[in-house]
Amino acid sequence: MSTLVLDKKADLAGPGIGDYLELEKILPKDYRSLLTPKETQQVIFHVKRYIEDNLCKELNLFMVEVPLIVDVESGVNDMLDRDGSRTPIQFHISNDRDKHPIDAQVVQAATKWKRVALKQFDCRLGEGICTDMRAVRKDYFLDHDHSAYVDQWDWERVITADQRNLDFLKAIISKIWKVIVGAERYAQSLFPQLKDFRYPDLPEKLEFFHAEEILDMYPDLPRKQRETEILQKHPAIFIIGIGWPLKDGYPHEMRAADYDDWVTDTHDQTGKDTHGLNGDILVWNHVTRRRHELTSMGVRVTAETLKKQLELSHQLDFMKLPYHQAILNNQIPLSIGGGIGQSRTLMLLLRKAHLGEVSVTVWPKVLKEMCARKSIFVLE
């Protein structure tokens, strides 16, 4: 097997840099935060409220409570990918001296729970929910933009079968982008020092590229390097069609089989050999000088596409779980949804070099010492 193929395969394994010596080279050498820790906390809560209010306004959502732990038997926890590399924290609740026990998991994301919740909260067509979601992902390598603690605006909205198309997907994404650009302006109105010539503002419009197009542009590069290259020319993009194997035999990135639809043939809409009604927003981060993912989202699977994706992923045994049965029996609505990284977005808008400057979580000593040497002060 060639080095190229090995590199592409390794690139699918998950996010993160994976090496602290490499991370030390990557972290900016000339960094100084534009805000004090106190100012940072003040603006965080203003911007979070702005984004929540405007997401709800643009997408016709309302805020709801969201679980931190779920019953294993429900099947609603998010497995994040389909190679089994990222597993949730699981624990046993003995409850009544083990007469009525529960095996529970800490959520990795509320992706599947939200779709079930649309029915629970009696959401009508064109209406949806938004959550202030907290999760734990223990299998991440902890670097400058990945942590074990995850916070997201996880949202979901009811759609019709006719809306399961790329035009509708792009329209929803454009509304989300409008909110993010507005939040940047809002933060700068509160603290004008955030408008710094070294860090250009986000572009007004997001550009759309299919994963197949990006592979055609950079056929010899692994996925993350393809993203890095295209972001040099197009600093804010949405990559469509993540999960389906591309021409080189590899998906742009692994996707779980039971939420986003990555198998639907979209040839009639693109005129090319394309699949998938999902994707990611990525931007160029001028502070870290690296690719920066803000959100993953997509049109959700139907009974038909769920079966196909589970079959391709060798996970047909999932079909017996309550969540999957609800889709297979058309007991929950068709929907579109996604998760917008809160700390990721705040890190970008507030011109921070590290997630730890906007969120409080655990970091290894080696990383905290490295950051201190570079005037990056992570919260503890």
Protein backbone atom coordinates (compact mmCIF):
# COMPACT_ATOMS: atom_id res chain seq x y z
CA MET A 1 0.00 0.00 0.00
CA SER A 2 1.39 3.41 -0.94
CA THR A 3 2.24 6.13 1.56
CA LEU A 4 -0.48 8.28 -0.03
CA VAL A 5 -3.17 5.68 0.66
CA LEU A 6 -1.93 5.21 4.22
CA ASP A 7 -2.03 8.98 4.77
CA LYS A 8 -5.57 9.23 3.43
CA LYS A 9 -6.75 6.34 5.58
CA ALA A 10 -5.09 7.77 8.70
CA ASP A 11 -6.68 11.14 7.98
CA LEU A 12 -10.14 9.58 8.49
CA ALA A 13 -9.38 8.38 12.00
CA GLY A 14 -10.57 11.54 13.71
CA PRO A 15 -9.73 15.13 14.54
CA GLY A 16 -6.76 16.54 16.35
CA ILE A 17 -3.06 16.93 15.69
CA GLY A 18 -2.04 13.92 17.78
CA ASP A 19 1.42 15.05 18.91
CA TYR A 20 2.44 17.75 21.40
CA LEU A 21 5.80 18.40 19.75
CA GLU A 22 3.92 19.13 16.55
CA LEU A 23 1.38 21.26 18.41
CA GLU A 24 4.13 23.42 19.91
CA LYS A 25 5.30 24.28 16.38
CA ILE A 26 1.74 25.10 15.31
CA LEU A 27 0.62 27.37 18.15
CA PRO A 28 1.22 31.05 17.29
CA LYS A 29 4.52 32.50 18.47
CA ASP A 30 3.49 36.16 18.63
CA TYR A 31 0.08 35.85 20.30
CA ARG A 32 -1.48 38.36 22.66
CA SER A 33 -5.17 38.15 23.52
CA LEU A 34 -7.17 41.21 22.45
CA LEU A 35 -9.37 40.81 25.56
CA THR A 36 -8.62 40.34 29.26
CA PRO A 37 -10.07 37.23 30.96
CA LYS A 38 -12.80 39.42 32.51
CA GLU A 39 -13.70 41.05 29.18
CA THR A 40 -13.71 37.62 27.56
CA GLN A 41 -16.28 36.32 30.04
CA GLN A 42 -18.43 39.42 29.63
CA VAL A 43 -18.59 39.18 25.85
CA ILE A 44 -19.06 35.39 25.82
CA PHE A 45 -22.48 35.59 27.40
CA HIS A 46 -23.63 38.49 25.23
CA VAL A 47 -22.58 36.65 22.07
CA LYS A 48 -24.10 33.35 23.20
CA ARG A 49 -27.43 35.07 23.80
CA TYR A 50 -27.20 36.80 20.40
CA ILE A 51 -26.55 33.53 18.60
CA GLU A 52 -29.29 31.61 20.41
CA ASP A 53 -31.87 34.35 19.86
CA ASN A 54 -31.02 34.76 16.20
CA LEU A 55 -30.77 31.05 15.41
CA CYS A 56 -34.25 30.67 16.83
CA LYS A 57 -35.47 33.66 14.80
CA GLU A 58 -33.87 32.62 11.47
CA LEU A 59 -34.73 28.90 11.65
CA ASN A 60 -38.03 29.13 13.58
CA LEU A 61 -36.70 27.25 16.63
CA PHE A 62 -37.37 27.40 20.36
CA MET A 63 -34.96 26.56 23.18
CA VAL A 64 -35.43 23.26 25.04
CA GLU A 65 -33.68 21.32 27.78
CA VAL A 66 -31.33 18.57 26.62
CA PRO A 67 -30.00 15.45 28.39
CA LEU A 68 -26.43 15.05 29.64
CA ILE A 69 -26.93 11.28 30.17
CA VAL A 70 -29.05 8.79 28.25
CA ASP A 71 -30.17 5.19 28.67
CA VAL A 72 -27.92 2.81 26.71
CA GLU A 73 -30.94 0.82 25.52
CA SER A 74 -32.49 3.85 23.83
CA GLY A 75 -29.80 3.97 21.12
CA VAL A 76 -29.96 7.78 21.02
CA ASN A 77 -26.34 8.48 21.92
CA ASP A 78 -24.20 9.81 19.12
CA MET A 79 -21.41 7.45 18.01
CA LEU A 80 -19.81 10.31 15.98
CA ASP A 81 -18.42 8.05 13.26
CA ARG A 82 -18.77 4.49 12.05
CA ASP A 83 -15.37 2.97 12.79
CA GLY A 84 -15.93 2.57 16.54
CA SER A 85 -12.94 4.71 17.49
CA ARG A 86 -14.84 7.09 19.77
CA THR A 87 -16.89 5.44 22.47
CA PRO A 88 -19.05 7.15 25.12
CA ILE A 89 -18.46 7.06 28.86
CA GLN A 90 -20.78 4.41 30.30
CA PHE A 91 -21.76 3.75 33.90
CA HIS A 92 -24.16 1.65 35.93
CA ILE A 93 -26.84 3.20 38.16
CA SER A 94 -27.67 0.49 40.70
CA ASN A 95 -30.92 2.23 41.75
CA ASP A 96 -32.91 0.53 44.50
CA ARG A 97 -30.16 -2.01 45.29
CA ASP A 98 -30.09 -3.14 41.65
CA LYS A 99 -33.80 -3.95 41.57
CA HIS A 100 -34.42 -1.23 38.96
CA PRO A 101 -30.97 -0.50 37.51
CA ILE A 102 -30.13 1.69 34.54
CA ASP A 103 -27.06 1.48 32.34
CA ALA A 104 -26.39 5.04 31.25
CA GLN A 105 -24.02 6.88 28.95
CA VAL A 106 -22.76 10.46 28.94
CA VAL A 107 -23.86 11.96 25.62
CA GLN A 108 -21.26 12.63 22.95
CA ALA A 109 -23.78 14.81 21.09
CA ALA A 110 -27.56 15.12 21.12
CA THR A 111 -27.90 14.45 17.39
CA LYS A 112 -30.32 11.54 17.59
CA TRP A 113 -32.10 12.65 20.75
CA LYS A 114 -33.19 15.88 19.04
CA ARG A 115 -35.05 14.11 16.27
CA VAL A 116 -37.05 12.10 18.78
CA ALA A 117 -37.59 15.29 20.78
CA LEU A 118 -39.30 16.97 17.80
CA LYS A 119 -42.21 14.61 18.39
CA GLN A 120 -42.01 14.97 22.18
CA PHE A 121 -42.36 18.75 21.89
CA ASP A 122 -45.05 18.53 19.20
CA CYS A 123 -43.07 20.44 16.59
CA ARG A 124 -44.99 21.27 13.42
CA LEU A 125 -43.70 21.50 9.86
CA GLY A 126 -41.07 24.25 9.60
CA GLU A 127 -40.69 24.43 13.38
CA GLY A 128 -37.83 23.10 15.46
CA ILE A 129 -35.80 23.08 18.65
CA CYS A 130 -32.43 24.43 19.77
CA THR A 131 -30.39 23.22 22.75
CA ASP A 132 -27.52 24.45 24.88
CA MET A 133 -25.86 21.03 24.73
CA ARG A 134 -23.00 19.77 26.90
CA ALA A 135 -21.17 16.52 26.18
CA VAL A 136 -17.99 14.56 26.90
CA ARG A 137 -15.80 12.98 24.22
CA LYS A 138 -13.04 11.12 26.00
CA ASP A 139 -11.23 9.85 22.90
CA TYR A 140 -10.11 13.18 21.45
CA PHE A 141 -6.47 14.21 21.43
CA LEU A 142 -6.51 17.43 23.46
CA ASP A 143 -4.98 20.19 21.38
CA HIS A 144 -5.80 23.85 20.67
CA ASP A 145 -9.29 23.26 19.23
CA HIS A 146 -10.33 19.83 20.57
CA SER A 147 -11.26 19.17 24.18
CA ALA A 148 -12.93 16.35 26.11
CA TYR A 149 -15.67 18.84 27.06
CA VAL A 150 -17.96 19.73 24.17
CA ASP A 151 -20.56 22.51 24.04
CA GLN A 152 -22.83 22.96 21.05
CA TRP A 153 -25.98 24.64 19.88
CA ASP A 154 -27.61 21.40 18.76
CA TRP A 155 -30.71 22.18 16.69
CA GLU A 156 -33.31 20.22 14.71
CA ARG A 157 -36.24 21.24 12.49
CA VAL A 158 -39.16 19.36 10.90
CA ILE A 159 -39.14 19.22 7.09
CA THR A 160 -41.14 17.65 4.25
CA ALA A 161 -39.94 14.93 1.87
CA ASP A 162 -39.80 17.57 -0.90
CA GLN A 163 -37.31 19.61 1.14
CA ARG A 164 -34.78 16.79 1.14
CA ASN A 165 -32.63 18.49 -1.52
CA LEU A 166 -29.47 20.55 -1.88
CA ASP A 167 -31.22 23.87 -2.48
CA PHE A 168 -33.07 23.63 0.82
CA LEU A 169 -29.89 22.51 2.61
CA LYS A 170 -28.00 25.53 1.24
CA ALA A 171 -30.80 27.92 2.21
CA ILE A 172 -30.69 26.72 5.83
CA ILE A 173 -26.89 26.90 5.94
CA SER A 174 -26.98 30.47 4.59
CA LYS A 175 -29.30 31.49 7.44
CA ILE A 176 -26.89 30.00 9.98
CA TRP A 177 -23.97 31.82 8.35
CA LYS A 178 -25.91 35.09 8.56
CA VAL A 179 -26.19 34.59 12.34
CA ILE A 180 -22.47 33.84 12.76
CA VAL A 181 -21.45 36.91 10.72
CA GLY A 182 -23.90 39.03 12.71
CA ALA A 183 -22.44 37.70 15.97
CA GLU A 184 -18.96 38.80 14.89
CA ARG A 185 -20.22 42.33 14.25
CA TYR A 186 -22.07 42.33 17.56
CA ALA A 187 -18.95 41.26 19.50
CA GLN A 188 -16.94 44.04 17.82
CA SER A 189 -19.59 46.61 18.73
CA LEU A 190 -19.18 45.64 22.38
CA PHE A 191 -15.37 45.49 22.32
CA PRO A 192 -13.98 47.47 19.34
CA GLN A 193 -10.46 46.14 19.93
CA LEU A 194 -11.67 42.86 18.37
CA LYS A 195 -11.58 44.58 15.00
CA ASP A 196 -7.90 44.12 14.27
CA PHE A 197 -6.26 44.43 10.83
CA ARG A 198 -4.37 41.14 11.41
CA TYR A 199 -7.63 39.21 11.63
CA PRO A 200 -9.97 39.95 8.69
CA ASP A 201 -13.71 39.76 9.27
CA LEU A 202 -15.70 36.79 8.04
CA PRO A 203 -16.96 37.13 4.44
CA GLU A 204 -20.62 38.03 3.98
CA LYS A 205 -21.31 34.95 1.91
CA LEU A 206 -20.38 31.33 2.45
CA GLU A 207 -19.17 29.36 -0.59
CA PHE A 208 -20.38 25.82 -1.31
CA PHE A 209 -18.19 22.99 -2.60
CA HIS A 210 -18.93 19.31 -2.92
CA ALA A 211 -16.40 16.92 -1.42
CA GLU A 212 -15.93 15.43 -4.90
CA GLU A 213 -15.02 18.86 -6.31
CA ILE A 214 -12.37 19.39 -3.64
CA LEU A 215 -10.91 15.95 -4.32
CA ASP A 216 -10.72 16.85 -8.03
CA MET A 217 -8.82 20.03 -7.11
CA TYR A 218 -6.34 18.25 -4.82
CA PRO A 219 -6.40 14.54 -5.75
CA ASP A 220 -3.09 13.67 -4.05
CA LEU A 221 -3.77 15.30 -0.69
CA PRO A 222 -5.40 13.79 2.42
CA ARG A 223 -8.67 15.34 3.55
CA LYS A 224 -7.37 17.87 6.11
CA GLN A 225 -4.72 19.11 3.69
CA ARG A 226 -7.36 19.50 0.97
CA GLU A 227 -9.40 21.61 3.37
CA THR A 228 -6.35 23.69 4.28
CA GLU A 229 -5.54 24.36 0.63
CA ILE A 230 -9.03 25.39 -0.44
CA LEU A 231 -9.42 27.68 2.58
CA GLN A 232 -6.40 29.69 1.38
CA LYS A 233 -8.50 30.79 -1.61
CA HIS A 234 -11.99 30.57 -0.12
CA PRO A 235 -11.85 31.47 3.61
CA ALA A 236 -15.40 30.34 4.49
CA ILE A 237 -16.90 27.23 2.89
CA PHE A 238 -19.51 24.53 3.31
CA ILE A 239 -18.35 21.08 2.15
CA ILE A 240 -21.29 19.02 0.87
CA GLY A 241 -21.45 15.23 0.86
CA ILE A 242 -19.38 13.88 3.76
CA GLY A 243 -19.51 10.14 4.37
CA TRP A 244 -19.98 8.66 0.89
CA PRO A 245 -16.83 7.09 -0.63
CA LEU A 246 -15.34 9.48 -3.20
CA LYS A 247 -13.54 8.63 -6.45
CA ASP A 248 -10.37 7.66 -4.57
CA GLY A 249 -12.31 5.09 -2.55
CA TYR A 250 -12.35 7.06 0.72
CA PRO A 251 -15.04 9.31 2.18
CA HIS A 252 -14.05 12.92 2.81
CA GLU A 253 -14.49 12.01 6.48
CA MET A 254 -16.27 9.25 8.39
CA ARG A 255 -19.87 9.91 9.40
CA ALA A 256 -22.16 7.88 11.63
CA ALA A 257 -24.72 5.85 9.70
CA ASP A 258 -27.85 6.82 11.59
CA TYR A 259 -28.36 10.58 11.48
CA ASP A 260 -27.02 12.55 8.46
CA ASP A 261 -27.98 11.32 4.99
CA TRP A 262 -24.76 10.74 3.06
CA VAL A 263 -26.01 8.17 0.52
CA THR A 264 -28.72 10.04 -1.40
CA ASP A 265 -27.75 10.44 -5.07
CA THR A 266 -27.68 14.15 -5.95
CA HIS A 267 -26.62 13.79 -9.59
CA ASP A 268 -29.88 15.31 -10.82
CA GLN A 269 -29.10 18.47 -8.79
CA THR A 270 -25.35 18.80 -9.50
CA GLY A 271 -24.93 17.14 -12.91
CA LYS A 272 -22.02 15.18 -11.38
CA ASP A 273 -21.50 11.88 -9.60
CA THR A 274 -22.34 13.22 -6.14
CA HIS A 275 -24.03 11.87 -3.03
CA GLY A 276 -25.13 13.24 0.31
CA LEU A 277 -27.33 15.93 1.85
CA ASN A 278 -24.97 16.92 4.64
CA GLY A 279 -21.70 18.68 5.33
CA ASP A 280 -19.50 20.99 7.42
CA ILE A 281 -18.86 24.72 7.69
CA LEU A 282 -15.12 25.43 7.75
CA VAL A 283 -13.31 28.74 7.91
CA TRP A 284 -9.72 29.94 7.87
CA ASN A 285 -8.70 30.98 11.38
CA HIS A 286 -6.34 33.95 11.06
CA VAL A 287 -5.12 33.61 14.66
CA THR A 288 -4.10 29.94 14.53
CA ARG A 289 -3.49 30.07 10.76
CA ARG A 290 -5.29 26.77 10.41
CA ARG A 291 -8.56 25.23 9.18
CA HIS A 292 -11.34 25.72 11.71
CA GLU A 293 -14.54 23.68 11.74
CA LEU A 294 -17.62 25.40 13.15
CA THR A 295 -20.54 23.06 12.49
CA SER A 296 -21.62 19.71 11.08
CA MET A 297 -25.18 19.38 9.85
CA GLY A 298 -27.46 17.82 7.32
CA VAL A 299 -30.77 16.42 6.19
CA ARG A 300 -31.50 13.35 8.31
CA VAL A 301 -31.93 9.77 7.14
CA THR A 302 -35.23 8.26 6.05
CA ALA A 303 -36.16 4.63 6.68
CA GLU A 304 -34.73 3.74 3.29
CA THR A 305 -31.44 5.63 3.60
CA LEU A 306 -30.96 4.49 7.20
CA LYS A 307 -31.08 0.84 6.07
CA LYS A 308 -28.62 1.53 3.26
CA GLN A 309 -26.16 3.40 5.50
CA LEU A 310 -26.30 0.77 8.24
CA GLU A 311 -25.67 -1.92 5.64
CA LEU A 312 -22.68 -0.06 4.17
CA SER A 313 -21.34 0.49 7.70
CA HIS A 314 -21.89 -3.15 8.77
CA GLN A 315 -24.13 -2.01 11.62
CA LEU A 316 -27.47 -3.62 10.76
CA ASP A 317 -27.76 -4.83 14.36
CA PHE A 318 -28.56 -1.19 15.32
CA MET A 319 -31.93 -1.57 13.60
CA LYS A 320 -33.42 -3.22 16.69
CA LEU A 321 -32.81 -0.15 18.89
CA PRO A 322 -35.81 2.09 19.74
CA TYR A 323 -34.43 5.17 17.95
CA HIS A 324 -33.80 3.24 14.75
CA GLN A 325 -37.17 1.49 14.98
CA ALA A 326 -38.85 4.89 15.25
CA ILE A 327 -37.28 5.94 11.93
CA LEU A 328 -37.95 2.62 10.22
CA ASN A 329 -41.62 2.76 11.25
CA ASN A 330 -42.02 6.48 10.39
CA GLN A 331 -42.86 7.35 13.99
CA ILE A 332 -40.72 10.51 14.15
CA PRO A 333 -40.62 13.43 11.68
CA LEU A 334 -38.34 13.94 8.73
CA SER A 335 -35.87 16.60 9.77
CA ILE A 336 -32.76 18.64 9.19
CA GLY A 337 -30.36 19.49 11.98
CA GLY A 338 -26.85 20.13 13.16
CA GLY A 339 -24.48 21.07 15.93
CA ILE A 340 -22.67 24.42 16.05
CA GLY A 341 -19.61 24.35 18.30
CA GLN A 342 -20.03 27.05 20.95
CA SER A 343 -16.43 27.28 22.14
CA ARG A 344 -15.18 26.83 18.57
CA THR A 345 -17.32 29.75 17.39
CA LEU A 346 -16.38 31.95 20.36
CA MET A 347 -12.70 31.14 19.90
CA LEU A 348 -12.97 32.35 16.31
CA LEU A 349 -15.05 35.48 16.92
CA LEU A 350 -13.03 36.60 19.96
CA ARG A 351 -9.68 36.03 18.17
CA LYS A 352 -8.42 33.40 20.61
CA ALA A 353 -5.59 30.93 20.02
CA HIS A 354 -6.97 28.15 22.21
CA LEU A 355 -10.34 26.69 23.23
CA GLY A 356 -9.22 26.87 26.86
CA GLU A 357 -9.44 30.66 26.74
CA VAL A 358 -13.23 30.51 26.33
CA SER A 359 -14.19 27.27 28.12
CA VAL A 360 -13.21 25.60 31.39
CA THR A 361 -12.20 21.95 31.17
CA VAL A 362 -9.25 19.63 31.80
CA TRP A 363 -5.96 19.91 29.92
CA PRO A 364 -2.73 17.95 30.39
CA LYS A 365 0.12 19.66 32.19
CA VAL A 366 2.30 19.57 29.05
CA LEU A 367 -0.29 21.60 27.14
CA LYS A 368 -0.88 24.15 29.90
CA GLU A 369 2.86 24.76 30.25
CA MET A 370 3.24 25.08 26.48
CA CYS A 371 0.42 27.61 26.33
CA ALA A 372 1.84 29.66 29.21
CA ARG A 373 5.15 29.98 27.36
CA LYS A 374 3.24 31.40 24.41
CA SER A 375 1.12 33.87 26.45
CA ILE A 376 -2.00 31.73 25.95
CA PHE A 377 -3.74 31.62 29.31
CA VAL A 378 -6.17 28.72 29.54
CA LEU A 379 -8.92 28.82 32.14
CA GLU A 380 -8.90 26.40 35.07
